[in-house]
Amino acid sequence: MRRIKKKKREKNLVAIVVSFVGGFYICDDCKLRYSDKKMAQKCERWCLAYHSCNLEITKHAIK
């Protein structure tokens, strides 16, 4: 029986670091503020990948 070696897929991992200032999480790319850390991370991932803002994400930003 022949074993097939599985290749490890290398993912382009980018550290998503959001700033916590004044009680809000801030996307370091577009500087929008969020009360939820997960939304700020989603925003930053989108900003880094597409160099734009996603309206479904930015509607959760603090005004």
N, C-alpha and C. Protein backbone atom coordinates (compact mmCIF):
# COMPACT_ATOMS: atom_id res chain seq x y z
N MET A 1 0.85 -1.18 0.00
CA MET A 1 0.00 0.00 0.00
C MET A 1 0.90 1.23 0.00
N ARG A 2 0.62 2.13 -0.87
CA ARG A 2 1.45 3.33 -1.02
C ARG A 2 0.83 4.48 -0.25
N ARG A 3 1.64 5.17 0.50
CA ARG A 3 1.16 6.33 1.26
C ARG A 3 1.39 7.60 0.46
N ILE A 4 0.40 8.42 0.50
CA ILE A 4 0.49 9.70 -0.20
C ILE A 4 0.79 10.78 0.83
N LYS A 5 1.85 11.52 0.58
CA LYS A 5 2.20 12.60 1.49
C LYS A 5 1.31 13.81 1.22
N LYS A 6 0.79 14.34 2.27
CA LYS A 6 -0.03 15.53 2.13
C LYS A 6 0.86 16.76 2.22
N LYS A 7 0.65 17.65 1.30
CA LYS A 7 1.41 18.90 1.33
C LYS A 7 0.75 19.85 2.31
N LYS A 8 1.56 20.51 3.06
CA LYS A 8 1.04 21.53 3.97
C LYS A 8 0.76 22.79 3.18
N ARG A 9 -0.45 23.27 3.34
CA ARG A 9 -0.79 24.52 2.66
C ARG A 9 -0.33 25.68 3.52
N GLU A 10 0.39 26.55 2.90
CA GLU A 10 0.82 27.75 3.60
C GLU A 10 -0.19 28.84 3.34
N LYS A 11 -0.70 29.36 4.40
CA LYS A 11 -1.66 30.45 4.28
C LYS A 11 -0.94 31.77 4.49
N ASN A 12 -1.40 32.76 3.81
CA ASN A 12 -0.85 34.09 4.01
C ASN A 12 -1.46 34.66 5.29
N LEU A 13 -0.77 34.47 6.37
CA LEU A 13 -1.27 34.92 7.65
C LEU A 13 -0.79 36.34 7.91
N VAL A 14 -1.74 37.18 8.20
CA VAL A 14 -1.43 38.57 8.51
C VAL A 14 -1.97 38.84 9.90
N ALA A 15 -1.14 39.38 10.74
CA ALA A 15 -1.58 39.68 12.10
C ALA A 15 -2.57 40.83 12.08
N ILE A 16 -3.75 40.58 12.60
CA ILE A 16 -4.78 41.61 12.68
C ILE A 16 -4.71 42.18 14.09
N VAL A 17 -4.23 43.39 14.18
CA VAL A 17 -4.08 44.05 15.47
C VAL A 17 -4.91 45.31 15.45
N VAL A 18 -5.86 45.37 16.35
CA VAL A 18 -6.69 46.56 16.46
C VAL A 18 -6.31 47.29 17.75
N SER A 19 -6.39 48.59 17.71
CA SER A 19 -6.04 49.40 18.88
C SER A 19 -7.26 49.57 19.77
N PHE A 20 -7.02 49.63 21.08
CA PHE A 20 -8.10 49.86 22.04
C PHE A 20 -7.82 51.21 22.68
N VAL A 21 -8.60 52.22 22.28
CA VAL A 21 -8.38 53.58 22.75
C VAL A 21 -9.71 54.17 23.20
N GLY A 22 -9.75 54.69 24.39
CA GLY A 22 -10.95 55.36 24.88
C GLY A 22 -12.18 54.47 24.96
N GLY A 23 -11.99 53.18 25.20
CA GLY A 23 -13.12 52.27 25.31
C GLY A 23 -13.62 51.73 23.99
N PHE A 24 -12.92 52.04 22.89
CA PHE A 24 -13.33 51.57 21.57
C PHE A 24 -12.17 50.85 20.89
N TYR A 25 -12.50 49.90 20.04
CA TYR A 25 -11.51 49.23 19.22
C TYR A 25 -11.45 49.96 17.89
N ILE A 26 -10.24 50.23 17.42
CA ILE A 26 -10.05 51.04 16.21
C ILE A 26 -9.36 50.22 15.14
N CYS A 27 -9.95 50.22 13.95
CA CYS A 27 -9.31 49.60 12.79
C CYS A 27 -8.09 50.45 12.44
N ASP A 28 -6.91 49.84 12.42
CA ASP A 28 -5.69 50.61 12.18
C ASP A 28 -5.57 51.08 10.74
N ASP A 29 -6.36 50.52 9.83
CA ASP A 29 -6.26 50.92 8.43
C ASP A 29 -7.14 52.13 8.12
N CYS A 30 -8.44 52.05 8.45
CA CYS A 30 -9.35 53.14 8.09
C CYS A 30 -9.74 54.03 9.29
N LYS A 31 -9.32 53.64 10.48
CA LYS A 31 -9.52 54.43 11.71
C LYS A 31 -10.98 54.51 12.18
N LEU A 32 -11.84 53.59 11.72
CA LEU A 32 -13.20 53.55 12.24
C LEU A 32 -13.19 52.91 13.63
N ARG A 33 -14.11 53.35 14.49
CA ARG A 33 -14.17 52.86 15.88
C ARG A 33 -15.33 51.89 16.05
N TYR A 34 -15.08 50.82 16.82
CA TYR A 34 -16.09 49.80 17.09
C TYR A 34 -16.12 49.49 18.58
N SER A 35 -17.29 49.13 19.09
CA SER A 35 -17.39 48.72 20.49
C SER A 35 -17.05 47.24 20.64
N ASP A 36 -17.10 46.48 19.54
CA ASP A 36 -16.84 45.05 19.54
C ASP A 36 -15.51 44.76 18.85
N LYS A 37 -14.66 43.98 19.51
CA LYS A 37 -13.34 43.68 18.96
C LYS A 37 -13.45 42.86 17.67
N LYS A 38 -14.39 41.92 17.61
CA LYS A 38 -14.53 41.08 16.42
C LYS A 38 -14.89 41.90 15.18
N MET A 39 -15.75 42.90 15.35
CA MET A 39 -16.12 43.74 14.21
C MET A 39 -14.92 44.57 13.75
N ALA A 40 -14.13 45.06 14.67
CA ALA A 40 -12.94 45.83 14.31
C ALA A 40 -11.95 44.95 13.55
N GLN A 41 -11.83 43.69 13.96
CA GLN A 41 -10.93 42.77 13.25
C GLN A 41 -11.46 42.45 11.86
N LYS A 42 -12.78 42.27 11.72
CA LYS A 42 -13.36 42.04 10.41
C LYS A 42 -13.11 43.23 9.49
N CYS A 43 -13.27 44.43 10.05
CA CYS A 43 -13.04 45.65 9.28
C CYS A 43 -11.60 45.71 8.80
N GLU A 44 -10.67 45.43 9.68
CA GLU A 44 -9.27 45.52 9.30
C GLU A 44 -8.91 44.46 8.26
N ARG A 45 -9.44 43.25 8.41
CA ARG A 45 -9.19 42.21 7.40
C ARG A 45 -9.69 42.65 6.03
N TRP A 46 -10.90 43.22 6.02
CA TRP A 46 -11.47 43.68 4.74
C TRP A 46 -10.62 44.81 4.16
N CYS A 47 -10.25 45.77 5.00
CA CYS A 47 -9.45 46.92 4.53
C CYS A 47 -8.12 46.46 3.93
N LEU A 48 -7.46 45.52 4.59
CA LEU A 48 -6.17 45.04 4.10
C LEU A 48 -6.32 44.24 2.81
N ALA A 49 -7.40 43.50 2.68
CA ALA A 49 -7.57 42.64 1.50
C ALA A 49 -8.05 43.42 0.28
N TYR A 50 -8.98 44.36 0.48
CA TYR A 50 -9.62 45.01 -0.66
C TYR A 50 -9.35 46.51 -0.79
N HIS A 51 -8.68 47.10 0.16
CA HIS A 51 -8.36 48.54 0.14
C HIS A 51 -9.61 49.39 -0.03
N SER A 52 -10.67 48.97 0.66
CA SER A 52 -11.93 49.70 0.63
C SER A 52 -12.69 49.40 1.92
N CYS A 53 -13.86 50.00 2.06
CA CYS A 53 -14.70 49.73 3.23
C CYS A 53 -15.92 48.94 2.80
N ASN A 54 -16.37 48.04 3.66
CA ASN A 54 -17.55 47.23 3.43
C ASN A 54 -18.71 47.82 4.22
N LEU A 55 -19.80 48.16 3.56
CA LEU A 55 -20.93 48.80 4.23
C LEU A 55 -21.58 47.91 5.28
N GLU A 56 -21.55 46.58 5.06
CA GLU A 56 -22.12 45.66 6.05
C GLU A 56 -21.31 45.66 7.34
N ILE A 57 -20.03 45.96 7.25
CA ILE A 57 -19.18 46.03 8.44
C ILE A 57 -19.22 47.43 9.04
N THR A 58 -19.12 48.46 8.21
CA THR A 58 -19.02 49.82 8.72
C THR A 58 -20.34 50.31 9.35
N LYS A 59 -21.46 49.64 9.08
CA LYS A 59 -22.70 50.07 9.72
C LYS A 59 -22.67 49.79 11.23
N HIS A 60 -21.71 48.97 11.70
CA HIS A 60 -21.55 48.69 13.13
C HIS A 60 -20.55 49.66 13.80
N ALA A 61 -20.00 50.57 13.03
CA ALA A 61 -19.02 51.52 13.58
C ALA A 61 -19.71 52.53 14.47
N ILE A 62 -18.97 53.03 15.44
CA ILE A 62 -19.48 54.06 16.35
C ILE A 62 -19.37 55.40 15.66
N LYS A 63 -20.42 56.16 15.72
CA LYS A 63 -20.43 57.46 15.04
C LYS A 63 -19.72 58.53 15.84
